[in-house]
C-alpha atoms as a PDB file:
ATOM      1  CA  MET A   1      -0.089   0.000   0.024  1.00  0.00           C
ATOM      2  CA  ASN A   2       1.218   3.417  -1.050  1.00  0.00           C
ATOM      3  CA  PRO A   3      -0.867   5.837   0.906  1.00  0.00           C
ATOM      4  CA  SER A   4      -1.253   9.356  -0.764  1.00  0.00           C
ATOM      5  CA  ILE A   5      -0.481  12.554   1.213  1.00  0.00           C
ATOM      6  CA  GLU A   6      -3.511  13.995  -0.466  1.00  0.00           C
ATOM      7  CA  HIS A   7      -5.796  12.833   2.088  1.00  0.00           C
ATOM      8  CA  GLU A   8      -8.945  14.501   3.816  1.00  0.00           C
ATOM      9  CA  ASN A   9      -7.639  14.098   7.150  1.00  0.00           C
ATOM     10  CA  PRO A  10      -4.915  16.752   7.580  1.00  0.00           C
ATOM     11  CA  PHE A  11      -3.363  15.192  10.287  1.00  0.00           C
ATOM     12  CA  LEU A  12      -2.672  11.978   8.503  1.00  0.00           C
ATOM     13  CA  GLY A  13      -1.672  14.010   5.382  1.00  0.00           C
ATOM     14  CA  ARG A  14       1.009  15.692   7.217  1.00  0.00           C
ATOM     15  CA  ILE A  15       2.368  12.788   8.872  1.00  0.00           C
ATOM     16  CA  LEU A  16       2.590  10.618   5.729  1.00  0.00           C
ATOM     17  CA  ALA A  17       4.871  13.322   4.441  1.00  0.00           C
ATOM     18  CA  GLU A  18       7.246  12.956   7.318  1.00  0.00           C
ATOM     19  CA  SER A  19      10.192  10.335   7.387  1.00  0.00           C
ATOM     20  CA  ALA A  20       9.298   7.233   9.035  1.00  0.00           C
ATOM     21  CA  VAL A  21      11.113   5.452  11.642  1.00  0.00           C
ATOM     22  CA  ALA A  22       9.153   2.293  10.920  1.00  0.00           C
ATOM     23  CA  HIS A  23       6.091   1.487   8.884  1.00  0.00           C
ATOM     24  CA  ASN A  24       4.045  -1.271   7.190  1.00  0.00           C
ATOM     25  CA  GLU A  25       0.609  -1.338   5.577  1.00  0.00           C
ATOM     26  CA  HIS A  26      -1.276  -0.596   8.807  1.00  0.00           C
ATOM     27  CA  PHE A  27       1.025   1.761  10.853  1.00  0.00           C
ATOM     28  CA  ARG A  28       3.762   4.534  10.646  1.00  0.00           C
ATOM     29  CA  VAL A  29       6.115   5.813  13.317  1.00  0.00           C
ATOM     30  CA  VAL A  30       7.691   9.249  13.123  1.00  0.00           C
ATOM     31  CA  TYR A  31       9.384  11.560  15.506  1.00  0.00           C
ATOM     32  CA  ASP A  32       6.962  13.708  17.356  1.00  0.00           C
ATOM     33  CA  ARG A  33       7.182  17.450  16.409  1.00  0.00           C
ATOM     34  CA  ASP A  34       6.499  18.603  19.785  1.00  0.00           C
ATOM     35  CA  PRO A  35       8.204  15.927  22.003  1.00  0.00           C
ATOM     36  CA  ALA A  36       7.209  15.427  25.752  1.00  0.00           C
ATOM     37  CA  ALA A  37      10.404  13.665  26.387  1.00  0.00           C
ATOM     38  CA  SER A  38      13.657  12.681  24.506  1.00  0.00           C
ATOM     39  CA  GLN A  39      13.067  10.185  21.668  1.00  0.00           C
ATOM     40  CA  HIS A  40       9.372  10.828  21.865  1.00  0.00           C
ATOM     41  CA  LEU A  41       7.766   8.816  18.750  1.00  0.00           C
ATOM     42  CA  LEU A  42       4.222   9.162  17.391  1.00  0.00           C
ATOM     43  CA  LEU A  43       2.611   5.951  16.073  1.00  0.00           C
ATOM     44  CA  TYR A  44      -0.555   6.134  14.103  1.00  0.00           C
ATOM     45  CA  SER A  45      -2.752   4.188  11.909  1.00  0.00           C
ATOM     46  CA  ILE A  46      -2.679   4.717   8.237  1.00  0.00           C
ATOM     47  CA  ARG A  47      -6.476   4.020   7.798  1.00  0.00           C
ATOM     48  CA  GLU A  48      -8.810   6.339   9.326  1.00  0.00           C
ATOM     49  CA  LEU A  49      -9.593   4.609  12.794  1.00  0.00           C
ATOM     50  CA  ALA A  50     -10.875   6.467  15.886  1.00  0.00           C
ATOM     51  CA  SER A  51      -8.724   4.179  18.051  1.00  0.00           C
ATOM     52  CA  LEU A  52      -5.754   1.700  17.799  1.00  0.00           C
ATOM     53  CA  ALA A  53      -8.246  -0.942  19.468  1.00  0.00           C
ATOM     54  CA  ASP A  54     -10.380  -0.499  16.022  1.00  0.00           C
ATOM     55  CA  ALA A  55      -7.287  -1.942  13.990  1.00  0.00           C
ATOM     56  CA  PRO A  56      -7.294  -5.573  12.665  1.00  0.00           C
ATOM     57  CA  ASP A  57      -6.826  -8.109  15.523  1.00  0.00           C
ATOM     58  CA  GLY A  58      -3.076  -8.658  16.109  1.00  0.00           C
ATOM     59  CA  ALA A  59      -1.763  -6.032  13.416  1.00  0.00           C
ATOM     60  CA  LEU A  60      -0.380  -3.523  16.012  1.00  0.00           C
ATOM     61  CA  ASN A  61       1.385  -6.195  18.200  1.00  0.00           C
ATOM     62  CA  GLU A  62       2.982  -7.505  14.830  1.00  0.00           C
ATOM     63  CA  PHE A  63       3.936  -4.199  13.742  1.00  0.00           C
ATOM     64  CA  LEU A  64       5.423  -3.379  17.095  1.00  0.00           C
ATOM     65  CA  GLU A  65       7.275  -6.718  17.537  1.00  0.00           C
ATOM     66  CA  ASN A  66       8.620  -6.783  13.769  1.00  0.00           C
ATOM     67  CA  GLU A  67       8.884  -3.270  12.012  1.00  0.00           C
ATOM     68  CA  LEU A  68       9.437  -1.104  15.154  1.00  0.00           C
ATOM     69  CA  THR A  69      11.769  -3.753  16.967  1.00  0.00           C
ATOM     70  CA  ALA A  70      13.986  -3.944  13.556  1.00  0.00           C
ATOM     71  CA  SER A  71      14.110  -0.202  13.328  1.00  0.00           C
ATOM     72  CA  VAL A  72      14.954   0.590  17.033  1.00  0.00           C
ATOM     73  CA  PRO A  73      16.513  -2.538  18.340  1.00  0.00           C
ATOM     74  CA  ASN A  74      17.315  -3.174  22.147  1.00  0.00           C
ATOM     75  CA  GLU A  75      14.740  -0.483  23.154  1.00  0.00           C
ATOM     76  CA  ASP A  76      11.698  -1.020  25.399  1.00  0.00           C
ATOM     77  CA  PHE A  77       9.128   1.481  24.664  1.00  0.00           C
ATOM     78  CA  PHE A  78       6.316   2.804  27.071  1.00  0.00           C
ATOM     79  CA  MET A  79       3.055   3.120  24.790  1.00  0.00           C
ATOM     80  CA  ILE A  80       0.216   5.420  25.685  1.00  0.00           C
ATOM     81  CA  GLU A  81      -3.137   5.966  23.616  1.00  0.00           C
ATOM     82  CA  ARG A  82      -6.160   8.173  24.451  1.00  0.00           C
ATOM     83  CA  GLY A  83      -8.428   6.149  22.067  1.00  0.00           C
ATOM     84  CA  ARG A  84     -11.415   7.421  20.341  1.00  0.00           C
ATOM     85  CA  SER A  85     -10.764  10.813  21.789  1.00  0.00           C
ATOM     86  CA  ARG A  86     -12.481  14.133  20.581  1.00  0.00           C
ATOM     87  CA  PHE A  87      -9.816  16.178  22.241  1.00  0.00           C
ATOM     88  CA  CYS A  88      -6.801  15.655  20.353  1.00  0.00           C
ATOM     89  CA  SER A  89      -5.300  19.064  19.836  1.00  0.00           C
ATOM     90  CA  SER A  90      -3.956  18.600  16.251  1.00  0.00           C
ATOM     91  CA  PHE A  91      -5.855  19.830  13.236  1.00  0.00           C
ATOM     92  CA  GLY A  92      -8.920  21.251  14.754  1.00  0.00           C
ATOM     93  CA  ASN A  93      -9.693  17.959  16.889  1.00  0.00           C
ATOM     94  CA  VAL A  94      -9.858  15.703  13.798  1.00  0.00           C
ATOM     95  CA  VAL A  95     -10.403  12.064  15.629  1.00  0.00           C
ATOM     96  CA  HIS A  96      -7.579   9.887  14.715  1.00  0.00           C
ATOM     97  CA  ALA A  97      -5.753   6.884  15.938  1.00  0.00           C
ATOM     98  CA  HIS A  98      -2.433   7.683  17.309  1.00  0.00           C
ATOM     99  CA  ALA A  99      -0.251   6.721  20.329  1.00  0.00           C
ATOM    100  CA  HIS A 100       2.888   8.037  21.875  1.00  0.00           C
ATOM    101  CA  LEU A 101       5.954   5.867  22.342  1.00  0.00           C
ATOM    102  CA  VAL A 102       8.957   6.991  24.583  1.00  0.00           C
ATOM    103  CA  PRO A 103      11.845   4.649  25.535  1.00  0.00           C
ATOM    104  CA  ALA A 104      10.745   3.085  28.879  1.00  0.00           C
ATOM    105  CA  ARG A 105      14.215   4.001  30.470  1.00  0.00           C
ATOM    106  CA  LEU A 106      13.714   7.592  30.310  1.00  0.00           C
ATOM    107  CA  LEU A 107      10.505   7.485  32.416  1.00  0.00           C
ATOM    108  CA  LYS A 108       9.756   6.188  35.985  1.00  0.00           C
ATOM    109  CA  SER A 109       9.023   2.354  36.425  1.00  0.00           C
ATOM    110  CA  GLU A 110       5.560   2.919  37.591  1.00  0.00           C
ATOM    111  CA  ILE A 111       3.259   4.974  35.972  1.00  0.00           C
ATOM    112  CA  ALA A 112      -0.226   5.171  37.362  1.00  0.00           C
ATOM    113  CA  LEU A 113      -3.297   6.145  35.198  1.00  0.00           C
ATOM    114  CA  PRO A 114      -5.512   8.845  36.704  1.00  0.00           C
ATOM    115  CA  ARG A 115      -8.312   6.759  37.583  1.00  0.00           C
ATOM    116  CA  GLU A 116      -8.726   3.100  38.620  1.00  0.00           C
ATOM    117  CA  SER A 117      -7.357   0.871  35.914  1.00  0.00           C
ATOM    118  CA  THR A 118      -7.917  -2.611  34.582  1.00  0.00           C
ATOM    119  CA  LYS A 119      -4.497  -4.449  34.192  1.00  0.00           C
ATOM    120  CA  VAL A 120      -4.049  -6.976  31.479  1.00  0.00           C
ATOM    121  CA  SER A 121      -0.752  -9.071  30.221  1.00  0.00           C
ATOM    122  CA  THR A 122      -0.970  -8.095  26.612  1.00  0.00           C
ATOM    123  CA  LEU A 123      -1.906  -5.322  24.352  1.00  0.00           C
ATOM    124  CA  ASP A 124      -4.201  -7.649  22.369  1.00  0.00           C
ATOM    125  CA  ALA A 125      -5.872  -8.454  25.605  1.00  0.00           C
ATOM    126  CA  ALA A 126      -6.428  -4.812  26.293  1.00  0.00           C
ATOM    127  CA  PHE A 127      -7.943  -4.159  22.786  1.00  0.00           C
ATOM    128  CA  GLU A 128      -9.993  -7.252  23.071  1.00  0.00           C
ATOM    129  CA  GLN A 129     -11.691  -5.555  26.081  1.00  0.00           C
ATOM    130  CA  LEU A 130     -11.727  -1.984  24.385  1.00  0.00           C
ATOM    131  CA  LYS A 131     -13.303  -2.974  21.180  1.00  0.00           C
ATOM    132  CA  ASP A 132     -16.239  -0.634  20.241  1.00  0.00           C
ATOM    133  CA  ASP A 133     -16.529   0.465  23.761  1.00  0.00           C
ATOM    134  CA  GLY A 134     -16.143   4.436  23.824  1.00  0.00           C
ATOM    135  CA  GLU A 135     -13.157   6.608  24.841  1.00  0.00           C
ATOM    136  CA  TYR A 136     -10.284   5.026  26.920  1.00  0.00           C
ATOM    137  CA  LEU A 137      -6.842   5.684  28.186  1.00  0.00           C
ATOM    138  CA  LEU A 138      -4.262   2.769  27.566  1.00  0.00           C
ATOM    139  CA  ALA A 139      -0.661   2.587  28.845  1.00  0.00           C
ATOM    140  CA  GLY A 140       2.144   0.036  29.055  1.00  0.00           C
ATOM    141  CA  ILE A 141       5.361  -1.388  27.863  1.00  0.00           C
ATOM    142  CA  VAL A 142       5.385  -2.675  24.451  1.00  0.00           C
ATOM    143  CA  GLY A 143       5.523  -6.497  24.924  1.00  0.00           C
ATOM    144  CA  LYS A 144       4.649  -6.516  28.544  1.00  0.00           C
ATOM    145  CA  ASP A 145       1.741  -5.588  30.727  1.00  0.00           C
ATOM    146  CA  PHE A 146      -0.706  -2.791  29.909  1.00  0.00           C
ATOM    147  CA  GLN A 147      -3.374  -0.969  31.926  1.00  0.00           C
ATOM    148  CA  PHE A 148      -6.437   1.016  30.686  1.00  0.00           C
ATOM    149  CA  THR A 149      -9.265   3.070  32.081  1.00  0.00           C
ATOM    150  CA  ARG A 150     -12.471   4.272  30.495  1.00  0.00           C
ATOM    151  CA  ASN A 151     -15.006   7.101  31.050  1.00  0.00           C
ATOM    152  CA  LEU A 152     -12.491   9.800  30.480  1.00  0.00           C
ATOM    153  CA  THR A 153     -15.033  12.873  30.589  1.00  0.00           C
ATOM    154  CA  PHE A 154     -12.845  14.295  33.534  1.00  0.00           C
ATOM    155  CA  ALA A 155      -9.655  14.152  31.554  1.00  0.00           C
ATOM    156  CA  PRO A 156      -7.944  17.230  30.125  1.00  0.00           C
ATOM    157  CA  LYS A 157      -6.849  17.641  26.449  1.00  0.00           C
ATOM    158  CA  ARG A 158      -3.211  16.317  25.750  1.00  0.00           C
ATOM    159  CA  LEU A 159      -3.668  13.899  28.872  1.00  0.00           C
ATOM    160  CA  ALA A 160      -1.158  11.338  27.263  1.00  0.00           C
ATOM    161  CA  ARG A 161       1.446  14.004  26.859  1.00  0.00           C
ATOM    162  CA  LEU A 162       0.788  15.341  30.468  1.00  0.00           C
ATOM    163  CA  ILE A 163       1.313  11.737  31.724  1.00  0.00           C
ATOM    164  CA  ILE A 164       4.644  11.302  30.045  1.00  0.00           C
ATOM    165  CA  GLU A 165       5.774  14.779  31.013  1.00  0.00           C
ATOM    166  CA  GLU A 166       5.047  14.082  34.685  1.00  0.00           C
ATOM    167  CA  ASN A 167       6.881  10.759  34.704  1.00  0.00           C
ATOM    168  CA  ARG A 168      10.023  11.664  32.942  1.00  0.00           C
ATOM    169  CA  LEU A 169      13.472  10.898  34.919  1.00  0.00           C
END
C-alpha cells in the first residue's frame, strides 16, 4: 500500500509526508514534532480509525514486534493512547488513531493512570476488552503488561502528553 499525502484528514496527510522510523501497510511511526520527552515517537494508523483498538486483530502487536523492533533494536517502549478521543489538539480536533511511544528507560518504572484501571498481560488482551467501547486511556510497556481506564469525561486535553511529562526521569 502506498498511501497518498493528498488525504482528507490533514493530520494523516502531514504525517505521511514525514520520514518514518518504522512503517507497514497499517501503521507508521515518526518522531513527534513537539516531544514531551527525549526520543518521543508518534505511532498512528494509516487507515482512518478512531482508536488503535479498532485496527485489525493482532496487527499492532505484529507491527511493534517486527517493524519497530527492527528499526529501533534493544529498546523497550512505553506506549500511551487516548483512544476514540475527540480532544486531540491536532488539526481542529480531527479524531484519529495515534499513540505516543517513549523509551521506557527515560520514564519512572511505575506509571499510574489517573483513574482506577484494569490491568492485562498483553496489548491484544486490552484491545479485546476495548473494542467498540467508547473513549479510553491505555498505557504500558510494549511486549509486557498494559493497563487501561474508561470514562474519560474528567480528562484534560493532551492527557497522554501530560502523563509522559509528569513521569520523566
